[in-house]
C-alpha cells in the first residue's frame, strides 16, 4: 500500500502511554522497562514500535511488532504492551489495541485507547497524530488508577520510504 510515494508498510508507532504514569513509574526504586522485538524507548520517553508486515490484519488496521513490559513495586505493578494495532474507522479515527497478557498460551488483545485525529482527516504524510483517551477495556491495564475517557499521551504514526 502506498500514499504519495510513501509505503504504509514502513511505519513506526510512537506512544508515551501517559506521562504522569511514566513519571510515577520511573520514581519507583525497582522500576524496570523490558523491551522485546521491534520496540524501543526514545529519548523523549516515547515507546516506538515498527510495522509488522507479516501480521494478519485487515485493510483498516496497521499492525506493529515488539513489546514493552513495565514492572515495579516488587512485581505488583506490571503493564505489558505488545504488538500494538491501530484500527481505523471510516471517519479517520481509531482504536489502539495491544496484547497485554496470555491465556492458555494465546495472546489476549485489549482495546487500550480510543484515538481522535489531531491533524486533518485527509491522509497527511509523513505522520498521523491522534489524541488518545483510555478505552473502557483499557482501564483494567492500569489497575483502576485511570478511568475510561482519561486523556493518555498522543499517538503518532510516522511513515518512511522503504
N, C-alpha and C. Protein backbone atom coordinates (compact mmCIF):
# COMPACT_ATOMS: atom_id res chain seq x y z
N UNK A 1 0.85 -1.16 0.00
CA UNK A 1 0.00 0.00 0.00
C UNK A 1 0.90 1.23 0.00
N UNK A 2 0.56 2.23 -0.80
CA UNK A 2 1.35 3.46 -0.86
C UNK A 2 0.45 4.67 -0.91
N UNK A 3 0.94 5.76 -0.37
CA UNK A 3 0.27 7.05 -0.47
C UNK A 3 1.32 8.10 -0.75
N UNK A 4 1.18 8.79 -1.85
CA UNK A 4 2.12 9.83 -2.24
C UNK A 4 3.57 9.34 -2.20
N UNK A 5 3.82 8.11 -2.69
CA UNK A 5 5.17 7.58 -2.78
C UNK A 5 5.74 7.06 -1.47
N UNK A 6 4.98 7.06 -0.40
CA UNK A 6 5.46 6.55 0.88
C UNK A 6 4.75 5.24 1.18
N UNK A 7 5.53 4.23 1.51
CA UNK A 7 4.96 2.92 1.78
C UNK A 7 4.34 2.88 3.17
N UNK A 8 3.10 2.46 3.25
CA UNK A 8 2.45 2.32 4.55
C UNK A 8 2.96 1.08 5.28
N UNK A 9 3.70 0.22 4.56
CA UNK A 9 4.30 -0.95 5.19
C UNK A 9 5.54 -0.57 5.99
N UNK A 10 6.04 0.64 5.82
CA UNK A 10 7.21 1.11 6.55
C UNK A 10 6.79 2.28 7.42
N UNK A 11 6.40 1.95 8.63
CA UNK A 11 5.92 2.98 9.54
C UNK A 11 6.36 2.62 10.95
N UNK A 12 6.31 3.61 11.80
CA UNK A 12 6.55 3.35 13.23
C UNK A 12 5.46 4.04 14.03
N UNK A 13 5.13 3.43 15.15
CA UNK A 13 4.16 3.98 16.07
C UNK A 13 4.93 4.47 17.29
N UNK A 14 4.64 5.70 17.71
CA UNK A 14 5.26 6.24 18.92
C UNK A 14 4.15 6.62 19.90
N UNK A 15 4.30 6.14 21.14
CA UNK A 15 3.31 6.41 22.16
C UNK A 15 3.99 6.42 23.51
N UNK A 16 3.77 7.43 24.29
CA UNK A 16 4.37 7.54 25.61
C UNK A 16 3.51 6.96 26.72
N UNK A 17 2.42 6.35 26.40
CA UNK A 17 1.41 5.79 27.31
C UNK A 17 0.72 6.95 28.03
N UNK A 18 1.27 7.40 29.15
CA UNK A 18 0.72 8.54 29.88
C UNK A 18 1.88 9.13 30.69
N UNK A 19 2.20 10.39 30.43
CA UNK A 19 3.38 10.98 31.05
C UNK A 19 3.35 10.90 32.57
N UNK A 20 2.21 11.17 33.18
CA UNK A 20 2.15 11.11 34.65
C UNK A 20 2.39 9.69 35.15
N UNK A 21 1.94 8.69 34.41
CA UNK A 21 2.20 7.30 34.77
C UNK A 21 3.69 7.00 34.66
N UNK A 22 4.32 7.43 33.56
CA UNK A 22 5.77 7.21 33.40
C UNK A 22 6.55 7.89 34.51
N UNK A 23 6.16 9.13 34.87
CA UNK A 23 6.86 9.85 35.93
C UNK A 23 6.76 9.10 37.26
N UNK A 24 5.57 8.64 37.59
CA UNK A 24 5.38 7.84 38.81
C UNK A 24 6.22 6.57 38.74
N UNK A 25 6.09 5.85 37.64
CA UNK A 25 6.78 4.58 37.45
C UNK A 25 8.30 4.75 37.58
N UNK A 26 8.84 5.79 36.98
CA UNK A 26 10.29 5.97 36.98
C UNK A 26 10.83 6.41 38.34
N UNK A 27 9.96 6.86 39.23
CA UNK A 27 10.38 7.18 40.59
C UNK A 27 10.48 5.94 41.49
N UNK A 28 9.89 4.84 41.06
CA UNK A 28 9.97 3.62 41.85
C UNK A 28 11.41 3.12 41.87
N UNK A 29 11.94 2.77 43.02
CA UNK A 29 13.33 2.34 43.07
C UNK A 29 13.60 1.05 42.30
N UNK A 30 12.58 0.22 42.12
CA UNK A 30 12.79 -1.05 41.41
C UNK A 30 12.12 -1.06 40.02
N UNK A 31 11.86 0.12 39.45
CA UNK A 31 11.20 0.14 38.14
C UNK A 31 12.10 -0.47 37.08
N UNK A 32 11.45 -1.11 36.11
CA UNK A 32 12.21 -1.73 35.03
C UNK A 32 11.39 -1.71 33.75
N UNK A 33 12.05 -1.27 32.67
CA UNK A 33 11.49 -1.37 31.33
C UNK A 33 12.10 -2.61 30.69
N UNK A 34 11.28 -3.51 30.21
CA UNK A 34 11.78 -4.65 29.45
C UNK A 34 11.29 -4.53 28.02
N UNK A 35 12.22 -4.59 27.08
CA UNK A 35 11.86 -4.45 25.66
C UNK A 35 12.13 -5.75 24.93
N UNK A 36 11.29 -6.05 23.95
CA UNK A 36 11.48 -7.24 23.12
C UNK A 36 11.13 -6.88 21.68
N UNK A 37 11.73 -7.60 20.77
CA UNK A 37 11.42 -7.43 19.35
C UNK A 37 11.73 -6.05 18.84
N UNK A 38 10.79 -5.45 18.14
CA UNK A 38 10.98 -4.17 17.46
C UNK A 38 10.56 -2.97 18.29
N UNK A 39 10.56 -3.09 19.61
CA UNK A 39 10.18 -1.95 20.46
C UNK A 39 11.43 -1.35 21.10
N UNK A 40 11.39 -0.03 21.28
CA UNK A 40 12.50 0.65 21.96
C UNK A 40 11.98 1.92 22.61
N UNK A 41 12.74 2.43 23.55
CA UNK A 41 12.39 3.68 24.21
C UNK A 41 13.15 4.81 23.55
N UNK A 42 12.43 5.84 23.16
CA UNK A 42 13.04 7.02 22.55
C UNK A 42 13.55 7.96 23.64
N UNK A 43 14.40 8.89 23.28
CA UNK A 43 14.99 9.81 24.25
C UNK A 43 13.94 10.70 24.92
N UNK A 44 12.79 10.92 24.28
CA UNK A 44 11.74 11.76 24.87
C UNK A 44 10.73 10.96 25.71
N UNK A 45 11.03 9.68 25.95
CA UNK A 45 10.15 8.84 26.76
C UNK A 45 9.12 8.06 25.98
N UNK A 46 8.96 8.36 24.70
CA UNK A 46 8.01 7.61 23.88
C UNK A 46 8.51 6.18 23.69
N UNK A 47 7.57 5.27 23.48
CA UNK A 47 7.89 3.89 23.13
C UNK A 47 7.62 3.78 21.62
N UNK A 48 8.59 3.24 20.90
CA UNK A 48 8.46 3.12 19.45
C UNK A 48 8.34 1.65 19.05
N UNK A 49 7.38 1.39 18.17
CA UNK A 49 7.16 0.06 17.60
C UNK A 49 7.24 0.19 16.08
N UNK A 50 7.76 -0.82 15.40
CA UNK A 50 7.86 -0.82 13.94
C UNK A 50 6.73 -1.64 13.33
N UNK A 51 6.39 -1.34 12.08
CA UNK A 51 5.32 -2.09 11.41
C UNK A 51 5.67 -3.57 11.34
N UNK A 52 4.64 -4.37 11.35
CA UNK A 52 4.77 -5.81 11.22
C UNK A 52 4.10 -6.24 9.92
N UNK A 53 4.89 -6.34 8.83
CA UNK A 53 4.29 -6.69 7.54
C UNK A 53 3.76 -8.12 7.49
N UNK A 54 4.10 -8.95 8.46
CA UNK A 54 3.64 -10.34 8.46
C UNK A 54 2.36 -10.53 9.27
N UNK A 55 1.88 -9.47 9.94
CA UNK A 55 0.69 -9.60 10.78
C UNK A 55 -0.55 -9.86 9.95
N UNK A 56 -1.45 -10.61 10.52
CA UNK A 56 -2.73 -10.92 9.89
C UNK A 56 -3.73 -9.83 10.28
N UNK A 57 -3.62 -8.67 9.63
CA UNK A 57 -4.50 -7.54 9.95
C UNK A 57 -5.32 -7.19 8.71
N UNK A 58 -6.49 -6.61 8.92
CA UNK A 58 -7.32 -6.23 7.78
C UNK A 58 -6.85 -4.89 7.18
N UNK A 59 -7.49 -4.46 6.10
CA UNK A 59 -7.05 -3.26 5.39
C UNK A 59 -7.22 -1.98 6.19
N UNK A 60 -8.03 -2.00 7.24
CA UNK A 60 -8.24 -0.82 8.07
C UNK A 60 -7.37 -0.81 9.32
N UNK A 61 -6.38 -1.69 9.37
CA UNK A 61 -5.55 -1.82 10.56
C UNK A 61 -4.08 -1.79 10.19
N UNK A 62 -3.32 -1.00 10.96
CA UNK A 62 -1.86 -1.03 10.87
C UNK A 62 -1.36 -1.84 12.05
N UNK A 63 -0.55 -2.85 11.78
CA UNK A 63 -0.03 -3.73 12.83
C UNK A 63 1.44 -3.41 13.07
N UNK A 64 1.81 -3.38 14.33
CA UNK A 64 3.18 -3.10 14.74
C UNK A 64 3.69 -4.27 15.58
N UNK A 65 5.02 -4.39 15.69
CA UNK A 65 5.58 -5.50 16.44
C UNK A 65 6.53 -5.00 17.52
N UNK A 66 6.72 -5.86 18.49
CA UNK A 66 7.58 -5.56 19.61
C UNK A 66 6.77 -5.48 20.89
N UNK A 67 7.49 -5.41 22.02
CA UNK A 67 6.81 -5.38 23.32
C UNK A 67 7.60 -4.55 24.31
N UNK A 68 6.87 -3.94 25.22
CA UNK A 68 7.46 -3.29 26.40
C UNK A 68 6.72 -3.85 27.61
N UNK A 69 7.49 -4.16 28.64
CA UNK A 69 6.91 -4.66 29.89
C UNK A 69 7.46 -3.80 31.01
N UNK A 70 6.58 -3.05 31.65
CA UNK A 70 6.96 -2.17 32.75
C UNK A 70 6.64 -2.89 34.06
N UNK A 71 7.64 -3.04 34.92
CA UNK A 71 7.42 -3.70 36.19
C UNK A 71 8.00 -2.85 37.32
N UNK A 72 7.39 -2.97 38.49
CA UNK A 72 7.84 -2.26 39.68
C UNK A 72 7.07 -2.73 40.89
N UNK A 73 7.30 -2.11 42.02
CA UNK A 73 6.66 -2.50 43.28
C UNK A 73 6.83 -3.99 43.54
N UNK A 74 8.04 -4.49 43.28
CA UNK A 74 8.36 -5.91 43.52
C UNK A 74 7.41 -6.84 42.78
N UNK A 75 7.04 -6.43 41.56
CA UNK A 75 6.17 -7.24 40.71
C UNK A 75 4.69 -6.93 40.82
N UNK A 76 4.28 -6.13 41.79
CA UNK A 76 2.86 -5.80 41.94
C UNK A 76 2.38 -4.90 40.80
N UNK A 77 3.29 -4.08 40.25
CA UNK A 77 2.97 -3.26 39.09
C UNK A 77 3.53 -3.97 37.87
N UNK A 78 2.67 -4.30 36.94
CA UNK A 78 3.08 -5.00 35.73
C UNK A 78 2.17 -4.56 34.58
N UNK A 79 2.74 -3.84 33.63
CA UNK A 79 2.00 -3.38 32.46
C UNK A 79 2.75 -3.86 31.22
N UNK A 80 2.09 -4.69 30.42
CA UNK A 80 2.69 -5.24 29.20
C UNK A 80 1.91 -4.72 28.00
N UNK A 81 2.64 -4.20 27.01
CA UNK A 81 2.03 -3.74 25.77
C UNK A 81 2.84 -4.36 24.65
N UNK A 82 2.22 -5.26 23.90
CA UNK A 82 2.92 -5.98 22.84
C UNK A 82 2.13 -5.96 21.55
N UNK A 83 2.86 -5.88 20.45
CA UNK A 83 2.29 -5.98 19.11
C UNK A 83 1.04 -5.12 18.93
N UNK A 84 1.19 -3.80 19.13
CA UNK A 84 0.02 -2.92 19.02
C UNK A 84 -0.54 -2.86 17.60
N UNK A 85 -1.84 -2.63 17.55
CA UNK A 85 -2.55 -2.41 16.28
C UNK A 85 -3.30 -1.09 16.40
N UNK A 86 -3.38 -0.37 15.29
CA UNK A 86 -4.26 0.79 15.19
C UNK A 86 -5.29 0.45 14.13
N UNK A 87 -6.54 0.35 14.56
CA UNK A 87 -7.65 0.06 13.65
C UNK A 87 -8.39 1.36 13.39
N UNK A 88 -8.51 1.71 12.12
CA UNK A 88 -9.12 2.97 11.72
C UNK A 88 -10.60 2.78 11.43
N UNK A 89 -11.38 3.80 11.77
CA UNK A 89 -12.80 3.81 11.44
C UNK A 89 -12.99 4.64 10.18
N UNK A 90 -14.21 4.61 9.62
CA UNK A 90 -14.49 5.33 8.38
C UNK A 90 -14.28 6.83 8.52
N UNK A 91 -14.42 7.38 9.73
CA UNK A 91 -14.26 8.82 9.92
C UNK A 91 -12.81 9.22 10.20
N UNK A 92 -11.86 8.27 10.06
CA UNK A 92 -10.45 8.59 10.23
C UNK A 92 -9.96 8.50 11.67
N UNK A 93 -10.85 8.15 12.59
CA UNK A 93 -10.42 7.97 13.97
C UNK A 93 -10.07 6.51 14.16
N UNK A 94 -9.77 6.08 15.37
CA UNK A 94 -9.37 4.69 15.51
C UNK A 94 -9.31 4.21 16.94
N UNK A 95 -8.79 3.00 17.06
CA UNK A 95 -8.61 2.34 18.35
C UNK A 95 -7.21 1.74 18.38
N UNK A 96 -6.50 1.98 19.48
CA UNK A 96 -5.21 1.36 19.71
C UNK A 96 -5.44 0.14 20.59
N UNK A 97 -5.04 -1.03 20.11
CA UNK A 97 -5.14 -2.24 20.91
C UNK A 97 -3.76 -2.88 20.98
N UNK A 98 -3.57 -3.76 21.95
CA UNK A 98 -2.30 -4.47 22.09
C UNK A 98 -2.53 -5.77 22.83
N UNK A 99 -1.57 -6.66 22.71
CA UNK A 99 -1.56 -7.88 23.50
C UNK A 99 -1.06 -7.49 24.88
N UNK A 100 -1.84 -7.77 25.91
CA UNK A 100 -1.49 -7.35 27.26
C UNK A 100 -1.24 -8.51 28.21
N UNK A 101 -1.57 -9.71 27.78
CA UNK A 101 -1.43 -10.88 28.63
C UNK A 101 -1.52 -12.12 27.75
N UNK A 102 -1.43 -13.27 28.39
CA UNK A 102 -1.65 -14.54 27.71
C UNK A 102 -2.61 -15.38 28.52
N UNK A 103 -3.42 -16.16 27.82
CA UNK A 103 -4.34 -17.08 28.46
C UNK A 103 -4.25 -18.40 27.71
N UNK A 104 -3.92 -19.45 28.41
CA UNK A 104 -3.73 -20.77 27.79
C UNK A 104 -2.73 -20.70 26.64
N UNK A 105 -1.68 -19.91 26.81
CA UNK A 105 -0.62 -19.80 25.81
C UNK A 105 -0.97 -18.96 24.59
N UNK A 106 -2.14 -18.33 24.62
CA UNK A 106 -2.57 -17.49 23.49
C UNK A 106 -2.62 -16.04 23.93
N UNK A 107 -2.19 -15.10 23.06
CA UNK A 107 -2.21 -13.69 23.43
C UNK A 107 -3.62 -13.16 23.66
N UNK A 108 -3.74 -12.28 24.65
CA UNK A 108 -5.01 -11.61 24.94
C UNK A 108 -4.85 -10.16 24.47
N UNK A 109 -5.66 -9.77 23.49
CA UNK A 109 -5.61 -8.42 22.93
C UNK A 109 -6.69 -7.58 23.59
N UNK A 110 -6.31 -6.34 23.94
CA UNK A 110 -7.23 -5.42 24.62
C UNK A 110 -7.24 -4.08 23.89
N UNK A 111 -8.41 -3.48 23.77
CA UNK A 111 -8.52 -2.10 23.27
C UNK A 111 -8.05 -1.19 24.41
N UNK A 112 -6.96 -0.46 24.18
CA UNK A 112 -6.39 0.37 25.24
C UNK A 112 -6.85 1.82 25.13
N UNK A 113 -6.86 2.36 23.92
CA UNK A 113 -7.19 3.79 23.78
C UNK A 113 -8.04 4.04 22.54
N UNK A 114 -8.97 4.98 22.68
CA UNK A 114 -9.72 5.50 21.54
C UNK A 114 -8.95 6.69 21.00
N UNK A 115 -8.85 6.75 19.68
CA UNK A 115 -8.00 7.76 19.03
C UNK A 115 -8.83 8.74 18.22
N UNK A 116 -8.53 10.03 18.38
CA UNK A 116 -9.19 11.09 17.63
C UNK A 116 -8.11 11.87 16.89
N UNK A 117 -8.33 12.13 15.60
CA UNK A 117 -7.32 12.80 14.77
C UNK A 117 -6.98 14.18 15.29
N UNK A 118 -5.69 14.47 15.37
CA UNK A 118 -5.19 15.80 15.72
C UNK A 118 -5.03 16.64 14.48
N UNK A 119 -4.57 16.02 13.38
CA UNK A 119 -4.39 16.77 12.15
C UNK A 119 -5.52 16.43 11.19
N UNK A 120 -5.50 17.01 10.03
CA UNK A 120 -6.58 16.91 9.05
C UNK A 120 -7.01 15.47 8.80
N UNK A 121 -8.30 15.24 8.57
CA UNK A 121 -8.77 13.90 8.25
C UNK A 121 -8.15 13.34 6.96
N UNK A 122 -7.68 14.22 6.06
CA UNK A 122 -7.02 13.74 4.86
C UNK A 122 -5.67 13.16 5.27
N UNK A 123 -5.29 12.06 4.64
CA UNK A 123 -4.01 11.43 4.97
C UNK A 123 -2.88 12.40 4.70
N UNK A 124 -2.18 12.76 5.75
CA UNK A 124 -1.07 13.71 5.62
C UNK A 124 0.21 13.01 6.05
N UNK A 125 1.01 12.68 5.08
CA UNK A 125 2.27 12.03 5.39
C UNK A 125 3.32 13.10 5.62
N UNK A 126 4.31 12.90 6.44
CA UNK A 126 4.77 11.60 6.91
C UNK A 126 4.17 11.14 8.22
N UNK A 127 3.19 11.83 8.77
CA UNK A 127 2.68 11.30 10.04
C UNK A 127 1.19 11.53 10.24
N UNK A 128 0.67 10.76 11.16
CA UNK A 128 -0.69 10.92 11.66
C UNK A 128 -0.55 11.10 13.16
N UNK A 129 -1.27 12.04 13.72
CA UNK A 129 -1.23 12.25 15.16
C UNK A 129 -2.64 12.17 15.71
N UNK A 130 -2.78 11.46 16.83
CA UNK A 130 -4.09 11.26 17.44
C UNK A 130 -4.06 11.67 18.90
N UNK A 131 -5.13 12.30 19.36
CA UNK A 131 -5.37 12.42 20.80
C UNK A 131 -5.84 11.04 21.24
N UNK A 132 -5.47 10.65 22.43
CA UNK A 132 -5.85 9.32 22.92
C UNK A 132 -6.58 9.45 24.25
N UNK A 133 -7.65 8.68 24.35
CA UNK A 133 -8.40 8.57 25.61
C UNK A 133 -8.47 7.11 25.98
N UNK A 134 -8.31 6.83 27.26
CA UNK A 134 -8.34 5.46 27.73
C UNK A 134 -9.68 4.82 27.38
N UNK A 135 -9.62 3.67 26.73
CA UNK A 135 -10.82 2.92 26.36
C UNK A 135 -11.40 2.23 27.59
N UNK A 136 -12.67 1.90 27.53
CA UNK A 136 -13.35 1.20 28.63
C UNK A 136 -12.54 -0.01 29.07
N UNK A 137 -12.19 -0.85 28.13
CA UNK A 137 -11.44 -2.06 28.44
C UNK A 137 -10.03 -1.75 28.95
N UNK A 138 -9.43 -0.68 28.43
CA UNK A 138 -8.06 -0.33 28.77
C UNK A 138 -7.83 0.07 30.21
N UNK A 139 -8.88 0.50 30.90
CA UNK A 139 -8.70 0.93 32.29
C UNK A 139 -8.21 -0.22 33.18
N UNK A 140 -8.48 -1.46 32.80
CA UNK A 140 -8.04 -2.61 33.60
C UNK A 140 -6.53 -2.81 33.52
N UNK A 141 -5.92 -2.33 32.45
CA UNK A 141 -4.46 -2.44 32.30
C UNK A 141 -3.74 -1.63 33.38
N UNK A 142 -4.38 -0.57 33.86
CA UNK A 142 -3.76 0.32 34.84
C UNK A 142 -4.30 0.12 36.25
N UNK A 143 -4.89 -1.03 36.49
CA UNK A 143 -5.30 -1.46 37.82
C UNK A 143 -6.16 -0.45 38.57
N UNK A 144 -7.07 0.20 37.85
CA UNK A 144 -8.01 1.10 38.49
C UNK A 144 -7.48 2.49 38.81
N UNK A 145 -6.28 2.80 38.37
CA UNK A 145 -5.71 4.13 38.63
C UNK A 145 -6.15 5.18 37.62
N UNK A 146 -6.57 4.74 36.45
CA UNK A 146 -7.08 5.64 35.41
C UNK A 146 -8.39 5.05 34.93
N UNK A 147 -9.24 5.92 34.38
CA UNK A 147 -10.58 5.51 34.04
C UNK A 147 -10.89 5.79 32.57
N UNK A 148 -11.87 5.07 32.03
CA UNK A 148 -12.29 5.26 30.65
C UNK A 148 -12.54 6.73 30.38
N UNK A 149 -11.99 7.23 29.29
CA UNK A 149 -12.13 8.64 28.92
C UNK A 149 -10.99 9.51 29.39
N UNK A 150 -10.15 9.02 30.32
CA UNK A 150 -8.99 9.81 30.76
C UNK A 150 -8.04 10.04 29.59
N UNK A 151 -7.47 11.23 29.53
CA UNK A 151 -6.50 11.56 28.47
C UNK A 151 -5.23 10.74 28.66
N UNK A 152 -4.74 10.19 27.58
CA UNK A 152 -3.47 9.48 27.54
C UNK A 152 -2.53 10.32 26.67
N UNK A 153 -1.29 9.91 26.55
CA UNK A 153 -0.38 10.62 25.65
C UNK A 153 -0.84 10.46 24.20
N UNK A 154 -0.54 11.45 23.35
CA UNK A 154 -0.90 11.33 21.93
C UNK A 154 -0.19 10.13 21.30
N UNK A 155 -0.80 9.62 20.25
CA UNK A 155 -0.24 8.51 19.46
C UNK A 155 0.16 9.08 18.11
N UNK A 156 1.38 8.81 17.70
CA UNK A 156 1.85 9.27 16.38
C UNK A 156 2.27 8.06 15.54
N UNK A 157 1.95 8.12 14.28
CA UNK A 157 2.39 7.13 13.31
C UNK A 157 3.21 7.86 12.27
N UNK A 158 4.45 7.42 12.11
CA UNK A 158 5.40 8.04 11.17
C UNK A 158 5.62 7.09 10.00
N UNK A 159 5.44 7.59 8.79
CA UNK A 159 5.64 6.80 7.59
C UNK A 159 6.98 7.15 6.98
N UNK A 160 7.71 6.15 6.53
CA UNK A 160 9.02 6.37 5.92
C UNK A 160 9.11 5.65 4.58
N UNK A 161 10.03 6.09 3.77
CA UNK A 161 10.27 5.43 2.49
C UNK A 161 10.94 4.09 2.75
N UNK A 162 10.63 3.07 1.94
CA UNK A 162 11.27 1.75 2.13
C UNK A 162 12.76 1.79 1.86
